[in-house]
Amino acid sequence: RYIELKLGIMSAGNALRAYRERHRSGMMARASEAFTLITQGQYTGLTTQPVRGGEVLIAMQRDGQSKVADALSKGARFQLYLALRLAGYYEFAQFRQAVPFVADDIMETFDHIRSEEVFRLFGEMAGIGQVIYLTHHKHLCEIAKAVVPEATIHPLE
């Protein structure tokens, strides 16, 4: 009887997870995709789990494990929040006239490769609206120019 109950609970949990994945919002799907790109596949996506009074955001790791957003490293949390902002921008721009996307030195904890991925995403976003990235890190300007050659950089001296 215990095994039957345990299998029933596992089946119900799997069915709920599959249902949530099929019906999750476009914003969550886009954030999940951006987070996977920014983290170079270290995290394979995002999901949510219901908790009393709401939901908690979960980052799925490449090894099949998962972490709640609060348990991520500072750098991974910044990457997650950026992925959510990017997804939110796309959702907003899909139904309204795009406003500029402004970010101020959000890549301070990102390595070179992750910064490249972010600038690649910014380049795609520039197709629907203006992207303004503020930084005092010269190497990030060089990465931006290499990844998005058509980017305009305005040095402020």
N, C-alpha and C. Protein backbone atom coordinates (compact mmCIF):
# COMPACT_ATOMS: atom_id res chain seq x y z
N ARG A 1 0.83 -1.20 0.00
CA ARG A 1 0.00 0.00 0.00
C ARG A 1 0.88 1.26 0.00
N TYR A 2 1.95 1.25 0.79
CA TYR A 2 2.86 2.40 0.85
C TYR A 2 3.42 2.71 -0.53
N ILE A 3 3.85 1.67 -1.24
CA ILE A 3 4.44 1.86 -2.58
C ILE A 3 3.40 2.44 -3.53
N GLU A 4 2.16 1.96 -3.45
CA GLU A 4 1.10 2.50 -4.30
C GLU A 4 0.89 3.99 -4.03
N LEU A 5 0.85 4.34 -2.75
CA LEU A 5 0.67 5.75 -2.39
C LEU A 5 1.85 6.59 -2.85
N LYS A 6 3.04 6.09 -2.64
CA LYS A 6 4.25 6.82 -3.03
C LYS A 6 4.27 7.03 -4.55
N LEU A 7 3.95 5.98 -5.31
CA LEU A 7 3.91 6.10 -6.78
C LEU A 7 2.82 7.07 -7.22
N GLY A 8 1.69 7.07 -6.53
CA GLY A 8 0.62 8.00 -6.85
C GLY A 8 1.04 9.44 -6.62
N ILE A 9 1.72 9.67 -5.50
CA ILE A 9 2.21 11.02 -5.19
C ILE A 9 3.23 11.46 -6.23
N MET A 10 4.15 10.56 -6.59
CA MET A 10 5.16 10.90 -7.60
C MET A 10 4.51 11.18 -8.95
N SER A 11 3.52 10.37 -9.33
CA SER A 11 2.83 10.58 -10.61
C SER A 11 2.10 11.91 -10.62
N ALA A 12 1.43 12.22 -9.53
CA ALA A 12 0.72 13.51 -9.45
C ALA A 12 1.70 14.67 -9.53
N GLY A 13 2.83 14.55 -8.84
CA GLY A 13 3.86 15.60 -8.90
C GLY A 13 4.41 15.78 -10.29
N ASN A 14 4.68 14.68 -10.98
CA ASN A 14 5.18 14.75 -12.36
C ASN A 14 4.14 15.38 -13.28
N ALA A 15 2.87 15.01 -13.10
CA ALA A 15 1.80 15.58 -13.93
C ALA A 15 1.68 17.08 -13.69
N LEU A 16 1.76 17.50 -12.43
CA LEU A 16 1.69 18.94 -12.13
C LEU A 16 2.86 19.70 -12.74
N ARG A 17 4.06 19.13 -12.64
CA ARG A 17 5.24 19.78 -13.25
C ARG A 17 5.08 19.90 -14.76
N ALA A 18 4.61 18.84 -15.40
CA ALA A 18 4.42 18.86 -16.85
C ALA A 18 3.36 19.90 -17.23
N TYR A 19 2.28 19.97 -16.46
CA TYR A 19 1.24 20.95 -16.73
C TYR A 19 1.78 22.37 -16.60
N ARG A 20 2.53 22.64 -15.52
CA ARG A 20 3.10 23.98 -15.32
C ARG A 20 4.03 24.35 -16.46
N GLU A 21 4.85 23.41 -16.91
CA GLU A 21 5.79 23.69 -18.00
C GLU A 21 5.04 24.01 -19.29
N ARG A 22 3.97 23.28 -19.57
CA ARG A 22 3.21 23.51 -20.80
C ARG A 22 2.48 24.84 -20.79
N HIS A 23 2.08 25.29 -19.62
CA HIS A 23 1.23 26.47 -19.54
C HIS A 23 1.90 27.69 -18.92
N ARG A 24 3.20 27.63 -18.76
CA ARG A 24 3.86 28.79 -18.16
C ARG A 24 3.87 29.96 -19.15
N SER A 25 4.03 31.12 -18.64
CA SER A 25 3.92 32.32 -19.45
C SER A 25 5.07 32.46 -20.44
N GLY A 26 4.83 33.26 -21.46
CA GLY A 26 5.88 33.58 -22.42
C GLY A 26 7.05 34.28 -21.76
N MET A 27 6.74 35.10 -20.76
CA MET A 27 7.81 35.81 -20.06
C MET A 27 8.72 34.82 -19.34
N MET A 28 8.14 33.84 -18.68
CA MET A 28 8.94 32.85 -17.97
C MET A 28 9.77 32.03 -18.96
N ALA A 29 9.19 31.69 -20.09
CA ALA A 29 9.93 30.93 -21.10
C ALA A 29 11.11 31.75 -21.62
N ARG A 30 10.89 33.02 -21.91
CA ARG A 30 11.96 33.88 -22.41
C ARG A 30 13.03 34.10 -21.34
N ALA A 31 12.62 34.30 -20.09
CA ALA A 31 13.59 34.47 -19.00
C ALA A 31 14.42 33.21 -18.82
N SER A 32 13.78 32.08 -18.94
CA SER A 32 14.47 30.80 -18.81
C SER A 32 15.52 30.63 -19.91
N GLU A 33 15.13 30.97 -21.12
CA GLU A 33 16.06 30.89 -22.26
C GLU A 33 17.24 31.85 -22.08
N ALA A 34 16.95 33.08 -21.68
CA ALA A 34 18.02 34.07 -21.48
C ALA A 34 18.96 33.64 -20.35
N PHE A 35 18.40 33.12 -19.26
CA PHE A 35 19.22 32.68 -18.13
C PHE A 35 20.14 31.54 -18.54
N THR A 36 19.62 30.62 -19.34
CA THR A 36 20.44 29.51 -19.84
C THR A 36 21.58 30.04 -20.70
N LEU A 37 21.29 31.00 -21.58
CA LEU A 37 22.34 31.58 -22.43
C LEU A 37 23.38 32.33 -21.61
N ILE A 38 22.93 33.17 -20.71
CA ILE A 38 23.86 33.99 -19.92
C ILE A 38 24.77 33.11 -19.08
N THR A 39 24.23 32.03 -18.52
CA THR A 39 25.03 31.17 -17.65
C THR A 39 25.78 30.09 -18.43
N GLN A 40 25.75 30.19 -19.75
CA GLN A 40 26.46 29.23 -20.60
C GLN A 40 26.03 27.79 -20.31
N GLY A 41 24.75 27.60 -20.01
CA GLY A 41 24.22 26.27 -19.79
C GLY A 41 24.46 25.70 -18.40
N GLN A 42 25.10 26.47 -17.53
CA GLN A 42 25.27 25.99 -16.15
C GLN A 42 23.89 25.78 -15.52
N TYR A 43 22.97 26.66 -15.87
CA TYR A 43 21.57 26.50 -15.48
C TYR A 43 20.79 26.27 -16.76
N THR A 44 19.89 25.29 -16.73
CA THR A 44 19.19 24.90 -17.95
C THR A 44 17.81 25.50 -18.06
N GLY A 45 17.41 26.26 -17.08
CA GLY A 45 16.11 26.89 -17.16
C GLY A 45 15.59 27.33 -15.81
N LEU A 46 14.39 27.85 -15.85
CA LEU A 46 13.72 28.35 -14.65
C LEU A 46 12.35 27.70 -14.55
N THR A 47 11.92 27.53 -13.35
CA THR A 47 10.57 27.06 -13.10
C THR A 47 10.10 27.68 -11.79
N THR A 48 8.88 27.41 -11.44
CA THR A 48 8.36 27.89 -10.16
C THR A 48 7.78 26.72 -9.40
N GLN A 49 7.72 26.87 -8.11
CA GLN A 49 7.07 25.89 -7.24
C GLN A 49 6.07 26.65 -6.38
N PRO A 50 4.88 26.10 -6.26
CA PRO A 50 3.91 26.77 -5.39
C PRO A 50 4.32 26.64 -3.93
N VAL A 51 4.16 27.73 -3.22
CA VAL A 51 4.35 27.74 -1.77
C VAL A 51 3.14 28.46 -1.18
N ARG A 52 2.97 28.34 0.09
CA ARG A 52 1.82 29.00 0.70
C ARG A 52 1.88 30.50 0.41
N GLY A 53 0.84 31.00 -0.21
CA GLY A 53 0.76 32.42 -0.49
C GLY A 53 1.44 32.86 -1.78
N GLY A 54 1.88 31.94 -2.62
CA GLY A 54 2.50 32.36 -3.88
C GLY A 54 3.35 31.27 -4.51
N GLU A 55 4.40 31.70 -5.15
CA GLU A 55 5.31 30.78 -5.82
C GLU A 55 6.75 31.20 -5.53
N VAL A 56 7.66 30.26 -5.64
CA VAL A 56 9.07 30.54 -5.48
C VAL A 56 9.76 30.19 -6.80
N LEU A 57 10.72 31.02 -7.18
CA LEU A 57 11.45 30.84 -8.43
C LEU A 57 12.59 29.85 -8.21
N ILE A 58 12.69 28.88 -9.12
CA ILE A 58 13.68 27.81 -9.02
C ILE A 58 14.56 27.83 -10.26
N ALA A 59 15.87 27.76 -10.06
CA ALA A 59 16.83 27.64 -11.17
C ALA A 59 17.21 26.18 -11.31
N MET A 60 17.05 25.64 -12.51
CA MET A 60 17.37 24.24 -12.77
C MET A 60 18.83 24.15 -13.22
N GLN A 61 19.61 23.30 -12.55
CA GLN A 61 21.03 23.16 -12.87
C GLN A 61 21.24 22.08 -13.94
N ARG A 62 22.38 22.17 -14.60
CA ARG A 62 22.75 21.23 -15.65
C ARG A 62 22.75 19.78 -15.13
N ASP A 63 23.13 19.59 -13.89
CA ASP A 63 23.23 18.23 -13.33
C ASP A 63 21.88 17.68 -12.85
N GLY A 64 20.80 18.41 -13.11
CA GLY A 64 19.48 17.95 -12.73
C GLY A 64 19.02 18.44 -11.37
N GLN A 65 19.93 19.01 -10.60
CA GLN A 65 19.57 19.58 -9.30
C GLN A 65 18.88 20.92 -9.53
N SER A 66 18.36 21.49 -8.47
CA SER A 66 17.72 22.80 -8.57
C SER A 66 18.07 23.63 -7.34
N LYS A 67 17.96 24.95 -7.51
CA LYS A 67 18.22 25.88 -6.41
C LYS A 67 17.15 26.95 -6.42
N VAL A 68 16.69 27.31 -5.24
CA VAL A 68 15.80 28.46 -5.15
C VAL A 68 16.64 29.70 -5.44
N ALA A 69 16.02 30.73 -5.95
CA ALA A 69 16.75 31.93 -6.36
C ALA A 69 17.61 32.49 -5.23
N ASP A 70 17.10 32.45 -4.01
CA ASP A 70 17.86 32.99 -2.87
C ASP A 70 19.13 32.22 -2.58
N ALA A 71 19.22 30.97 -3.04
CA ALA A 71 20.40 30.13 -2.77
C ALA A 71 21.48 30.27 -3.85
N LEU A 72 21.20 31.04 -4.90
CA LEU A 72 22.18 31.23 -5.97
C LEU A 72 23.31 32.14 -5.50
N SER A 73 24.46 32.02 -6.14
CA SER A 73 25.56 32.95 -5.85
C SER A 73 25.13 34.36 -6.26
N LYS A 74 25.85 35.35 -5.78
CA LYS A 74 25.53 36.74 -6.12
C LYS A 74 25.54 36.94 -7.63
N GLY A 75 26.57 36.43 -8.31
CA GLY A 75 26.65 36.58 -9.76
C GLY A 75 25.50 35.91 -10.47
N ALA A 76 25.15 34.69 -10.06
CA ALA A 76 24.03 33.97 -10.70
C ALA A 76 22.71 34.68 -10.43
N ARG A 77 22.55 35.24 -9.22
CA ARG A 77 21.33 36.01 -8.93
C ARG A 77 21.23 37.24 -9.83
N PHE A 78 22.35 37.95 -10.02
CA PHE A 78 22.34 39.11 -10.91
C PHE A 78 21.97 38.68 -12.33
N GLN A 79 22.49 37.54 -12.76
CA GLN A 79 22.19 37.03 -14.10
C GLN A 79 20.72 36.64 -14.20
N LEU A 80 20.19 36.06 -13.14
CA LEU A 80 18.77 35.70 -13.12
C LEU A 80 17.90 36.95 -13.19
N TYR A 81 18.21 37.95 -12.38
CA TYR A 81 17.41 39.18 -12.39
C TYR A 81 17.49 39.88 -13.75
N LEU A 82 18.66 39.84 -14.36
CA LEU A 82 18.79 40.43 -15.69
C LEU A 82 17.93 39.66 -16.69
N ALA A 83 17.96 38.33 -16.63
CA ALA A 83 17.14 37.52 -17.54
C ALA A 83 15.66 37.85 -17.36
N LEU A 84 15.23 38.05 -16.13
CA LEU A 84 13.83 38.43 -15.88
C LEU A 84 13.53 39.82 -16.44
N ARG A 85 14.46 40.75 -16.29
CA ARG A 85 14.26 42.10 -16.85
C ARG A 85 14.17 42.06 -18.38
N LEU A 86 15.06 41.28 -19.00
CA LEU A 86 15.04 41.16 -20.45
C LEU A 86 13.70 40.60 -20.91
N ALA A 87 13.24 39.55 -20.25
CA ALA A 87 11.97 38.94 -20.60
C ALA A 87 10.82 39.92 -20.40
N GLY A 88 10.87 40.67 -19.31
CA GLY A 88 9.83 41.66 -19.05
C GLY A 88 9.81 42.74 -20.12
N TYR A 89 10.99 43.13 -20.58
CA TYR A 89 11.07 44.14 -21.64
C TYR A 89 10.39 43.63 -22.91
N TYR A 90 10.69 42.39 -23.28
CA TYR A 90 10.06 41.81 -24.48
C TYR A 90 8.55 41.73 -24.32
N GLU A 91 8.08 41.33 -23.15
CA GLU A 91 6.64 41.25 -22.92
C GLU A 91 6.01 42.64 -23.05
N PHE A 92 6.64 43.64 -22.47
CA PHE A 92 6.14 45.01 -22.55
C PHE A 92 6.11 45.49 -24.00
N ALA A 93 7.22 45.30 -24.70
CA ALA A 93 7.35 45.81 -26.07
C ALA A 93 6.45 45.07 -27.05
N GLN A 94 6.04 43.87 -26.70
CA GLN A 94 5.18 43.09 -27.58
C GLN A 94 3.81 43.74 -27.75
N PHE A 95 3.33 44.43 -26.73
CA PHE A 95 1.98 44.98 -26.76
C PHE A 95 1.93 46.51 -26.70
N ARG A 96 3.09 47.15 -26.55
CA ARG A 96 3.14 48.60 -26.45
C ARG A 96 4.33 49.12 -27.25
N GLN A 97 4.38 50.41 -27.43
CA GLN A 97 5.55 50.99 -28.06
C GLN A 97 6.73 50.84 -27.11
N ALA A 98 7.83 50.35 -27.66
CA ALA A 98 9.01 50.09 -26.82
C ALA A 98 9.58 51.38 -26.26
N VAL A 99 9.95 51.32 -25.01
CA VAL A 99 10.67 52.41 -24.35
C VAL A 99 12.13 51.96 -24.23
N PRO A 100 13.05 52.88 -23.99
CA PRO A 100 14.45 52.45 -23.84
C PRO A 100 14.63 51.48 -22.66
N PHE A 101 15.48 50.50 -22.87
CA PHE A 101 15.89 49.59 -21.80
C PHE A 101 17.19 50.16 -21.25
N VAL A 102 17.20 50.51 -19.98
CA VAL A 102 18.38 51.13 -19.37
C VAL A 102 18.92 50.22 -18.28
N ALA A 103 20.23 49.97 -18.33
CA ALA A 103 20.89 49.16 -17.31
C ALA A 103 22.19 49.86 -16.92
N ASP A 104 22.46 49.89 -15.63
CA ASP A 104 23.63 50.58 -15.12
C ASP A 104 24.58 49.59 -14.46
N ASP A 105 25.68 49.30 -15.13
CA ASP A 105 26.76 48.44 -14.62
C ASP A 105 26.28 47.15 -13.97
N ILE A 106 25.39 46.46 -14.65
CA ILE A 106 24.85 45.22 -14.10
C ILE A 106 25.76 44.02 -14.31
N MET A 107 26.85 44.20 -15.06
CA MET A 107 27.73 43.06 -15.35
C MET A 107 29.00 43.06 -14.52
N GLU A 108 29.00 43.75 -13.41
CA GLU A 108 30.22 43.84 -12.60
C GLU A 108 30.69 42.49 -12.09
N THR A 109 29.79 41.53 -11.91
CA THR A 109 30.19 40.21 -11.41
C THR A 109 30.25 39.16 -12.52
N PHE A 110 30.06 39.58 -13.79
CA PHE A 110 30.03 38.62 -14.90
C PHE A 110 31.43 38.45 -15.47
N ASP A 111 31.75 37.23 -15.87
CA ASP A 111 33.02 37.02 -16.56
C ASP A 111 32.88 37.44 -18.03
N HIS A 112 33.97 37.34 -18.77
CA HIS A 112 34.01 37.79 -20.16
C HIS A 112 32.94 37.10 -21.01
N ILE A 113 32.85 35.78 -20.89
CA ILE A 113 31.92 35.02 -21.73
C ILE A 113 30.48 35.39 -21.42
N ARG A 114 30.14 35.51 -20.15
CA ARG A 114 28.77 35.88 -19.78
C ARG A 114 28.45 37.30 -20.24
N SER A 115 29.43 38.18 -20.17
CA SER A 115 29.23 39.55 -20.67
C SER A 115 28.96 39.53 -22.17
N GLU A 116 29.68 38.70 -22.90
CA GLU A 116 29.43 38.58 -24.34
C GLU A 116 27.99 38.15 -24.61
N GLU A 117 27.53 37.16 -23.86
CA GLU A 117 26.15 36.68 -24.06
C GLU A 117 25.14 37.78 -23.79
N VAL A 118 25.38 38.56 -22.74
CA VAL A 118 24.45 39.65 -22.43
C VAL A 118 24.45 40.68 -23.55
N PHE A 119 25.61 41.05 -24.05
CA PHE A 119 25.65 42.02 -25.14
C PHE A 119 25.00 41.46 -26.40
N ARG A 120 25.12 40.15 -26.61
CA ARG A 120 24.44 39.53 -27.75
C ARG A 120 22.92 39.68 -27.58
N LEU A 121 22.43 39.44 -26.37
CA LEU A 121 21.00 39.62 -26.10
C LEU A 121 20.59 41.09 -26.25
N PHE A 122 21.44 42.01 -25.79
CA PHE A 122 21.16 43.44 -25.97
C PHE A 122 21.08 43.78 -27.46
N GLY A 123 21.97 43.20 -28.26
CA GLY A 123 21.95 43.43 -29.70
C GLY A 123 20.62 43.00 -30.31
N GLU A 124 20.10 41.86 -29.87
CA GLU A 124 18.80 41.39 -30.35
C GLU A 124 17.69 42.35 -29.90
N MET A 125 17.77 42.80 -28.66
CA MET A 125 16.76 43.72 -28.13
C MET A 125 16.75 45.03 -28.91
N ALA A 126 17.90 45.44 -29.40
CA ALA A 126 17.99 46.70 -30.15
C ALA A 126 17.15 46.65 -31.42
N GLY A 127 16.75 45.46 -31.83
CA GLY A 127 15.87 45.34 -32.98
C GLY A 127 14.45 45.80 -32.70
N ILE A 128 14.07 45.87 -31.43
CA ILE A 128 12.72 46.31 -31.10
C ILE A 128 12.69 47.60 -30.29
N GLY A 129 13.81 48.00 -29.74
CA GLY A 129 13.87 49.22 -28.95
C GLY A 129 15.30 49.61 -28.65
N GLN A 130 15.46 50.74 -28.03
CA GLN A 130 16.79 51.26 -27.71
C GLN A 130 17.31 50.63 -26.42
N VAL A 131 18.57 50.21 -26.45
CA VAL A 131 19.22 49.66 -25.27
C VAL A 131 20.31 50.63 -24.83
N ILE A 132 20.25 51.05 -23.59
CA ILE A 132 21.25 51.97 -23.04
C ILE A 132 21.93 51.24 -21.88
N TYR A 133 23.23 51.03 -22.02
CA TYR A 133 23.99 50.38 -20.96
C TYR A 133 25.06 51.34 -20.47
N LEU A 134 25.03 51.63 -19.19
CA LEU A 134 25.99 52.56 -18.59
C LEU A 134 27.06 51.77 -17.84
N THR A 135 28.32 52.11 -18.08
CA THR A 135 29.41 51.45 -17.37
C THR A 135 30.63 52.35 -17.32
N HIS A 136 31.47 52.12 -16.33
CA HIS A 136 32.76 52.80 -16.29
C HIS A 136 33.88 51.80 -16.56
N HIS A 137 33.52 50.59 -16.93
CA HIS A 137 34.50 49.54 -17.23
C HIS A 137 34.81 49.53 -18.73
N LYS A 138 35.99 49.98 -19.08
CA LYS A 138 36.38 50.09 -20.48
C LYS A 138 36.35 48.73 -21.20
N HIS A 139 36.73 47.65 -20.50
CA HIS A 139 36.75 46.34 -21.14
C HIS A 139 35.34 45.91 -21.57
N LEU A 140 34.30 46.37 -20.87
CA LEU A 140 32.94 46.03 -21.28
C LEU A 140 32.57 46.76 -22.57
N CYS A 141 33.07 47.97 -22.75
CA CYS A 141 32.85 48.69 -24.01
C CYS A 141 33.49 47.93 -25.17
N GLU A 142 34.67 47.38 -24.93
CA GLU A 142 35.36 46.61 -25.97
C GLU A 142 34.59 45.33 -26.29
N ILE A 143 34.08 44.67 -25.28
CA ILE A 143 33.28 43.46 -25.52
C ILE A 143 32.02 43.82 -26.30
N ALA A 144 31.35 44.89 -25.90
CA ALA A 144 30.13 45.32 -26.59
C ALA A 144 30.40 45.57 -28.06
N LYS A 145 31.47 46.27 -28.36
CA LYS A 145 31.80 46.60 -29.75
C LYS A 145 32.15 45.34 -30.55
N ALA A 146 32.81 44.38 -29.91
CA ALA A 146 33.16 43.14 -30.60
C ALA A 146 31.93 42.28 -30.89
N VAL A 147 31.00 42.24 -29.95
CA VAL A 147 29.82 41.39 -30.09
C VAL A 147 28.74 42.07 -30.95
N VAL A 148 28.58 43.38 -30.78
CA VAL A 148 27.57 44.14 -31.52
C VAL A 148 28.28 45.29 -32.23
N PRO A 149 28.90 45.01 -33.38
CA PRO A 149 29.71 46.03 -34.06
C PRO A 149 28.94 47.32 -34.38
N GLU A 150 27.63 47.21 -34.57
CA GLU A 150 26.85 48.41 -34.89
C GLU A 150 26.47 49.23 -33.66
N ALA A 151 26.87 48.78 -32.47
CA ALA A 151 26.59 49.53 -31.24
C ALA A 151 27.30 50.88 -31.26
N THR A 152 26.63 51.88 -30.74
CA THR A 152 27.23 53.20 -30.61
C THR A 152 27.67 53.38 -29.17
N ILE A 153 28.93 53.73 -28.99
CA ILE A 153 29.46 53.94 -27.65
C ILE A 153 29.78 55.42 -27.48
N HIS A 154 29.26 55.98 -26.41
CA HIS A 154 29.48 57.40 -26.11
C HIS A 154 30.35 57.51 -24.87
N PRO A 155 31.66 57.68 -25.03
CA PRO A 155 32.51 57.83 -23.84
C PRO A 155 32.27 59.18 -23.18
N LEU A 156 32.12 59.16 -21.89
CA LEU A 156 31.95 60.39 -21.13
C LEU A 156 33.22 60.60 -20.33
N GLU A 157 33.92 61.63 -20.63
CA GLU A 157 35.21 61.90 -19.96
C GLU A 157 35.01 62.96 -18.91
